[in-house]
Amino acid sequence: MLKRFLLSWLSVAIAVALTAWLLPGMDVDGGFLAVVLIAAVWGIINAVLGTILRVLSLPLTLMTLGLFSLVINAILLMITAWIVDRLEVDNFFVALVAALIISVVSTVVLALFTRKTART
């Protein structure tokens, strides 16, 4: 369980770093430790506030076939940028695109990690 948690945290950190490198409106200052900190804060915010937002917006998420969850992730990313001074997100549209990239990249990286560790 701890291994899965650490792999998930690492996959989000890699996704945040890659997104900051790809997306001009999102900046991370401070290198690797800043990315790890951002991933940790976003994970905590996602676990606490994200759960509440997802439950409250369940009807809207169902009506949009799950696309509203991307908006929730963008809001959580904006909150993370507000809390962590090493992360800067220019506007909501950048946060929306960043949330999409982070979600896709972290899912792919986590799948690659778990697939690789399952074989060994």
N, C-alpha and C. Protein backbone atom coordinates (compact mmCIF):
# COMPACT_ATOMS: atom_id res chain seq x y z
N MET A 1 0.82 -1.19 0.00
CA MET A 1 0.00 0.00 0.00
C MET A 1 0.87 1.27 0.00
N LEU A 2 1.94 1.25 0.80
CA LEU A 2 2.85 2.39 0.82
C LEU A 2 3.55 2.56 -0.52
N LYS A 3 3.89 1.44 -1.15
CA LYS A 3 4.55 1.48 -2.45
C LYS A 3 3.62 2.11 -3.49
N ARG A 4 2.35 1.74 -3.46
CA ARG A 4 1.36 2.31 -4.39
C ARG A 4 1.20 3.81 -4.17
N PHE A 5 1.18 4.22 -2.89
CA PHE A 5 1.08 5.64 -2.55
C PHE A 5 2.27 6.42 -3.09
N LEU A 6 3.47 5.91 -2.86
CA LEU A 6 4.68 6.59 -3.32
C LEU A 6 4.76 6.65 -4.85
N LEU A 7 4.34 5.57 -5.51
CA LEU A 7 4.32 5.57 -6.98
C LEU A 7 3.32 6.58 -7.51
N SER A 8 2.17 6.67 -6.85
CA SER A 8 1.16 7.63 -7.27
C SER A 8 1.67 9.06 -7.08
N TRP A 9 2.31 9.31 -5.95
CA TRP A 9 2.87 10.63 -5.67
C TRP A 9 3.95 10.99 -6.69
N LEU A 10 4.81 10.04 -7.01
CA LEU A 10 5.87 10.26 -7.99
C LEU A 10 5.29 10.50 -9.38
N SER A 11 4.24 9.78 -9.74
CA SER A 11 3.63 9.97 -11.06
C SER A 11 3.00 11.36 -11.18
N VAL A 12 2.39 11.85 -10.12
CA VAL A 12 1.82 13.21 -10.15
C VAL A 12 2.94 14.24 -10.22
N ALA A 13 4.03 14.00 -9.51
CA ALA A 13 5.16 14.93 -9.55
C ALA A 13 5.75 15.00 -10.96
N ILE A 14 5.90 13.84 -11.60
CA ILE A 14 6.40 13.82 -12.97
C ILE A 14 5.43 14.54 -13.91
N ALA A 15 4.15 14.32 -13.71
CA ALA A 15 3.14 14.97 -14.55
C ALA A 15 3.13 16.48 -14.36
N VAL A 16 3.29 16.95 -13.14
CA VAL A 16 3.35 18.39 -12.88
C VAL A 16 4.58 19.00 -13.53
N ALA A 17 5.72 18.33 -13.41
CA ALA A 17 6.96 18.84 -14.03
C ALA A 17 6.83 18.90 -15.54
N LEU A 18 6.29 17.85 -16.14
CA LEU A 18 6.13 17.83 -17.59
C LEU A 18 5.13 18.89 -18.05
N THR A 19 4.06 19.06 -17.30
CA THR A 19 3.06 20.07 -17.66
C THR A 19 3.64 21.47 -17.57
N ALA A 20 4.42 21.75 -16.53
CA ALA A 20 5.05 23.06 -16.40
C ALA A 20 6.04 23.31 -17.53
N TRP A 21 6.68 22.25 -18.01
CA TRP A 21 7.61 22.39 -19.12
C TRP A 21 6.88 22.62 -20.44
N LEU A 22 5.73 21.97 -20.62
CA LEU A 22 4.99 22.07 -21.88
C LEU A 22 4.12 23.31 -21.97
N LEU A 23 3.52 23.72 -20.87
CA LEU A 23 2.48 24.75 -20.88
C LEU A 23 3.07 26.10 -20.48
N PRO A 24 3.01 27.10 -21.36
CA PRO A 24 3.62 28.38 -21.07
C PRO A 24 2.98 29.13 -19.89
N GLY A 25 1.72 28.89 -19.57
CA GLY A 25 1.05 29.64 -18.51
C GLY A 25 1.19 29.04 -17.13
N MET A 26 1.95 27.95 -17.02
CA MET A 26 2.15 27.30 -15.72
C MET A 26 3.63 27.22 -15.43
N ASP A 27 4.04 27.76 -14.28
CA ASP A 27 5.45 27.81 -13.93
C ASP A 27 5.68 27.19 -12.56
N VAL A 28 6.77 26.44 -12.45
CA VAL A 28 7.20 25.87 -11.17
C VAL A 28 8.59 26.41 -10.89
N ASP A 29 8.75 27.02 -9.73
CA ASP A 29 10.05 27.57 -9.33
C ASP A 29 10.62 26.70 -8.21
N GLY A 30 11.84 26.21 -8.39
CA GLY A 30 12.48 25.50 -7.30
C GLY A 30 12.95 24.10 -7.61
N GLY A 31 12.75 23.61 -8.79
CA GLY A 31 13.29 22.31 -9.16
C GLY A 31 12.50 21.13 -8.63
N PHE A 32 13.23 20.02 -8.43
CA PHE A 32 12.60 18.75 -8.09
C PHE A 32 11.83 18.78 -6.78
N LEU A 33 12.43 19.38 -5.75
CA LEU A 33 11.76 19.42 -4.45
C LEU A 33 10.47 20.23 -4.50
N ALA A 34 10.46 21.28 -5.29
CA ALA A 34 9.24 22.07 -5.45
C ALA A 34 8.15 21.25 -6.12
N VAL A 35 8.52 20.47 -7.12
CA VAL A 35 7.54 19.63 -7.82
C VAL A 35 6.97 18.58 -6.88
N VAL A 36 7.83 17.99 -6.05
CA VAL A 36 7.38 16.98 -5.08
C VAL A 36 6.44 17.63 -4.06
N LEU A 37 6.78 18.84 -3.61
CA LEU A 37 5.92 19.56 -2.67
C LEU A 37 4.57 19.88 -3.30
N ILE A 38 4.58 20.33 -4.54
CA ILE A 38 3.33 20.65 -5.23
C ILE A 38 2.47 19.41 -5.38
N ALA A 39 3.08 18.29 -5.73
CA ALA A 39 2.34 17.03 -5.86
C ALA A 39 1.73 16.62 -4.52
N ALA A 40 2.47 16.81 -3.43
CA ALA A 40 1.96 16.45 -2.11
C ALA A 40 0.79 17.34 -1.70
N VAL A 41 0.94 18.64 -1.90
CA VAL A 41 -0.14 19.57 -1.53
C VAL A 41 -1.37 19.32 -2.39
N TRP A 42 -1.16 19.10 -3.69
CA TRP A 42 -2.30 18.84 -4.56
C TRP A 42 -3.00 17.53 -4.17
N GLY A 43 -2.22 16.54 -3.76
CA GLY A 43 -2.80 15.28 -3.31
C GLY A 43 -3.65 15.46 -2.06
N ILE A 44 -3.17 16.25 -1.11
CA ILE A 44 -3.95 16.50 0.11
C ILE A 44 -5.21 17.28 -0.20
N ILE A 45 -5.08 18.33 -1.01
CA ILE A 45 -6.25 19.12 -1.39
C ILE A 45 -7.25 18.27 -2.16
N ASN A 46 -6.74 17.42 -3.04
CA ASN A 46 -7.59 16.54 -3.83
C ASN A 46 -8.33 15.55 -2.93
N ALA A 47 -7.63 15.03 -1.93
CA ALA A 47 -8.26 14.05 -1.03
C ALA A 47 -9.32 14.67 -0.15
N VAL A 48 -9.08 15.87 0.34
CA VAL A 48 -10.02 16.50 1.27
C VAL A 48 -11.08 17.30 0.53
N LEU A 49 -10.66 18.38 -0.10
CA LEU A 49 -11.60 19.27 -0.76
C LEU A 49 -12.16 18.67 -2.05
N GLY A 50 -11.33 17.91 -2.76
CA GLY A 50 -11.79 17.30 -4.00
C GLY A 50 -12.92 16.31 -3.78
N THR A 51 -12.84 15.57 -2.69
CA THR A 51 -13.90 14.62 -2.39
C THR A 51 -15.22 15.34 -2.14
N ILE A 52 -15.16 16.42 -1.37
CA ILE A 52 -16.37 17.20 -1.09
C ILE A 52 -16.95 17.79 -2.37
N LEU A 53 -16.10 18.38 -3.20
CA LEU A 53 -16.57 18.97 -4.46
C LEU A 53 -17.16 17.92 -5.40
N ARG A 54 -16.54 16.76 -5.46
CA ARG A 54 -17.05 15.70 -6.34
C ARG A 54 -18.42 15.19 -5.88
N VAL A 55 -18.60 15.07 -4.59
CA VAL A 55 -19.91 14.62 -4.08
C VAL A 55 -20.98 15.68 -4.34
N LEU A 56 -20.65 16.94 -4.10
CA LEU A 56 -21.62 18.01 -4.32
C LEU A 56 -21.96 18.20 -5.79
N SER A 57 -21.01 17.94 -6.66
CA SER A 57 -21.25 18.18 -8.09
C SER A 57 -21.56 16.89 -8.85
N LEU A 58 -21.91 15.84 -8.15
CA LEU A 58 -22.19 14.56 -8.80
C LEU A 58 -23.27 14.65 -9.89
N PRO A 59 -24.39 15.33 -9.64
CA PRO A 59 -25.39 15.42 -10.73
C PRO A 59 -24.85 16.12 -11.98
N LEU A 60 -24.10 17.19 -11.78
CA LEU A 60 -23.53 17.92 -12.92
C LEU A 60 -22.47 17.07 -13.63
N THR A 61 -21.71 16.33 -12.87
CA THR A 61 -20.71 15.45 -13.47
C THR A 61 -21.38 14.35 -14.29
N LEU A 62 -22.47 13.82 -13.79
CA LEU A 62 -23.20 12.79 -14.54
C LEU A 62 -23.83 13.37 -15.81
N MET A 63 -24.35 14.59 -15.71
CA MET A 63 -24.97 15.21 -16.89
C MET A 63 -23.95 15.52 -17.98
N THR A 64 -22.71 15.80 -17.59
CA THR A 64 -21.67 16.11 -18.59
C THR A 64 -20.82 14.89 -18.91
N LEU A 65 -21.28 13.72 -18.49
CA LEU A 65 -20.58 12.46 -18.73
C LEU A 65 -19.15 12.47 -18.20
N GLY A 66 -18.96 13.10 -17.05
CA GLY A 66 -17.68 13.10 -16.38
C GLY A 66 -16.77 14.26 -16.71
N LEU A 67 -17.14 15.09 -17.67
CA LEU A 67 -16.25 16.19 -18.06
C LEU A 67 -16.15 17.27 -16.99
N PHE A 68 -17.15 17.38 -16.14
CA PHE A 68 -17.08 18.40 -15.09
C PHE A 68 -16.00 18.07 -14.06
N SER A 69 -15.59 16.82 -13.99
CA SER A 69 -14.50 16.46 -13.08
C SER A 69 -13.20 17.15 -13.49
N LEU A 70 -13.06 17.44 -14.76
CA LEU A 70 -11.90 18.19 -15.24
C LEU A 70 -11.93 19.63 -14.70
N VAL A 71 -13.11 20.22 -14.65
CA VAL A 71 -13.26 21.56 -14.08
C VAL A 71 -12.92 21.54 -12.59
N ILE A 72 -13.34 20.50 -11.90
CA ILE A 72 -13.01 20.37 -10.48
C ILE A 72 -11.50 20.25 -10.29
N ASN A 73 -10.84 19.46 -11.13
CA ASN A 73 -9.38 19.34 -11.05
C ASN A 73 -8.70 20.67 -11.32
N ALA A 74 -9.24 21.46 -12.25
CA ALA A 74 -8.67 22.79 -12.53
C ALA A 74 -8.83 23.70 -11.32
N ILE A 75 -9.98 23.64 -10.67
CA ILE A 75 -10.20 24.45 -9.46
C ILE A 75 -9.22 24.03 -8.37
N LEU A 76 -9.03 22.73 -8.20
CA LEU A 76 -8.09 22.23 -7.19
C LEU A 76 -6.65 22.65 -7.51
N LEU A 77 -6.31 22.69 -8.78
CA LEU A 77 -4.99 23.14 -9.18
C LEU A 77 -4.80 24.63 -8.88
N MET A 78 -5.84 25.42 -9.12
CA MET A 78 -5.78 26.85 -8.79
C MET A 78 -5.63 27.06 -7.28
N ILE A 79 -6.32 26.27 -6.49
CA ILE A 79 -6.20 26.36 -5.04
C ILE A 79 -4.78 25.97 -4.61
N THR A 80 -4.23 24.94 -5.24
CA THR A 80 -2.85 24.53 -4.94
C THR A 80 -1.88 25.65 -5.28
N ALA A 81 -2.09 26.31 -6.41
CA ALA A 81 -1.21 27.43 -6.79
C ALA A 81 -1.36 28.60 -5.81
N TRP A 82 -2.54 28.76 -5.25
CA TRP A 82 -2.76 29.82 -4.27
C TRP A 82 -2.03 29.52 -2.96
N ILE A 83 -1.98 28.23 -2.59
CA ILE A 83 -1.34 27.82 -1.34
C ILE A 83 0.18 27.75 -1.48
N VAL A 84 0.65 27.11 -2.55
CA VAL A 84 2.10 26.90 -2.73
C VAL A 84 2.64 28.05 -3.59
N ASP A 85 3.57 28.79 -3.03
CA ASP A 85 4.10 29.95 -3.76
C ASP A 85 5.06 29.57 -4.88
N ARG A 86 5.45 28.32 -4.96
CA ARG A 86 6.37 27.87 -6.03
C ARG A 86 5.64 27.47 -7.31
N LEU A 87 4.32 27.48 -7.27
CA LEU A 87 3.51 27.15 -8.44
C LEU A 87 2.73 28.37 -8.87
N GLU A 88 2.80 28.67 -10.16
CA GLU A 88 2.07 29.81 -10.70
C GLU A 88 1.26 29.35 -11.91
N VAL A 89 -0.04 29.59 -11.85
CA VAL A 89 -0.94 29.28 -12.96
C VAL A 89 -1.59 30.59 -13.37
N ASP A 90 -1.46 30.96 -14.65
CA ASP A 90 -1.88 32.28 -15.10
C ASP A 90 -3.38 32.52 -15.00
N ASN A 91 -4.18 31.59 -15.50
CA ASN A 91 -5.63 31.80 -15.48
C ASN A 91 -6.35 30.45 -15.46
N PHE A 92 -7.68 30.50 -15.47
CA PHE A 92 -8.45 29.28 -15.35
C PHE A 92 -8.31 28.39 -16.58
N PHE A 93 -8.22 28.98 -17.76
CA PHE A 93 -8.06 28.17 -18.97
C PHE A 93 -6.75 27.38 -18.93
N VAL A 94 -5.68 28.02 -18.46
CA VAL A 94 -4.40 27.33 -18.31
C VAL A 94 -4.54 26.21 -17.29
N ALA A 95 -5.25 26.47 -16.20
CA ALA A 95 -5.47 25.44 -15.18
C ALA A 95 -6.27 24.28 -15.74
N LEU A 96 -7.24 24.57 -16.61
CA LEU A 96 -8.05 23.52 -17.23
C LEU A 96 -7.20 22.62 -18.13
N VAL A 97 -6.37 23.24 -18.97
CA VAL A 97 -5.49 22.47 -19.85
C VAL A 97 -4.45 21.71 -19.01
N ALA A 98 -3.92 22.37 -17.98
CA ALA A 98 -2.93 21.72 -17.12
C ALA A 98 -3.53 20.54 -16.39
N ALA A 99 -4.76 20.67 -15.92
CA ALA A 99 -5.43 19.55 -15.24
C ALA A 99 -5.61 18.37 -16.18
N LEU A 100 -5.93 18.66 -17.41
CA LEU A 100 -6.08 17.58 -18.40
C LEU A 100 -4.74 16.88 -18.65
N ILE A 101 -3.69 17.66 -18.84
CA ILE A 101 -2.37 17.08 -19.10
C ILE A 101 -1.88 16.29 -17.89
N ILE A 102 -2.04 16.86 -16.70
CA ILE A 102 -1.59 16.18 -15.48
C ILE A 102 -2.35 14.88 -15.29
N SER A 103 -3.65 14.89 -15.54
CA SER A 103 -4.44 13.67 -15.37
C SER A 103 -3.99 12.57 -16.33
N VAL A 104 -3.80 12.93 -17.58
CA VAL A 104 -3.41 11.94 -18.57
C VAL A 104 -2.00 11.42 -18.31
N VAL A 105 -1.06 12.33 -18.08
CA VAL A 105 0.33 11.93 -17.89
C VAL A 105 0.50 11.11 -16.61
N SER A 106 -0.14 11.53 -15.52
CA SER A 106 0.01 10.78 -14.28
C SER A 106 -0.61 9.40 -14.38
N THR A 107 -1.70 9.27 -15.11
CA THR A 107 -2.31 7.96 -15.32
C THR A 107 -1.40 7.05 -16.13
N VAL A 108 -0.81 7.59 -17.19
CA VAL A 108 0.09 6.79 -18.03
C VAL A 108 1.34 6.41 -17.26
N VAL A 109 1.94 7.36 -16.54
CA VAL A 109 3.16 7.07 -15.79
C VAL A 109 2.87 6.04 -14.69
N LEU A 110 1.76 6.19 -13.98
CA LEU A 110 1.41 5.23 -12.94
C LEU A 110 1.16 3.84 -13.53
N ALA A 111 0.52 3.80 -14.68
CA ALA A 111 0.30 2.50 -15.34
C ALA A 111 1.62 1.87 -15.74
N LEU A 112 2.56 2.65 -16.23
CA LEU A 112 3.87 2.12 -16.60
C LEU A 112 4.63 1.63 -15.38
N PHE A 113 4.58 2.38 -14.28
CA PHE A 113 5.25 1.97 -13.05
C PHE A 113 4.65 0.70 -12.48
N THR A 114 3.34 0.64 -12.41
CA THR A 114 2.70 -0.53 -11.80
C THR A 114 2.85 -1.75 -12.70
N ARG A 115 2.86 -1.54 -13.99
CA ARG A 115 3.06 -2.66 -14.92
C ARG A 115 4.48 -3.21 -14.80
N LYS A 116 5.43 -2.29 -14.67
CA LYS A 116 6.83 -2.70 -14.55
C LYS A 116 7.07 -3.41 -13.22
N THR A 117 6.49 -2.91 -12.14
CA THR A 117 6.70 -3.54 -10.83
C THR A 117 5.90 -4.82 -10.69
N ALA A 118 4.84 -4.98 -11.45
CA ALA A 118 4.06 -6.22 -11.37
C ALA A 118 4.83 -7.38 -12.01
N ARG A 119 5.65 -7.10 -13.00
CA ARG A 119 6.43 -8.14 -13.68
C ARG A 119 7.60 -8.61 -12.84
N THR A 120 8.12 -7.73 -12.02
CA THR A 120 9.32 -8.11 -11.24
C THR A 120 8.97 -8.79 -9.96
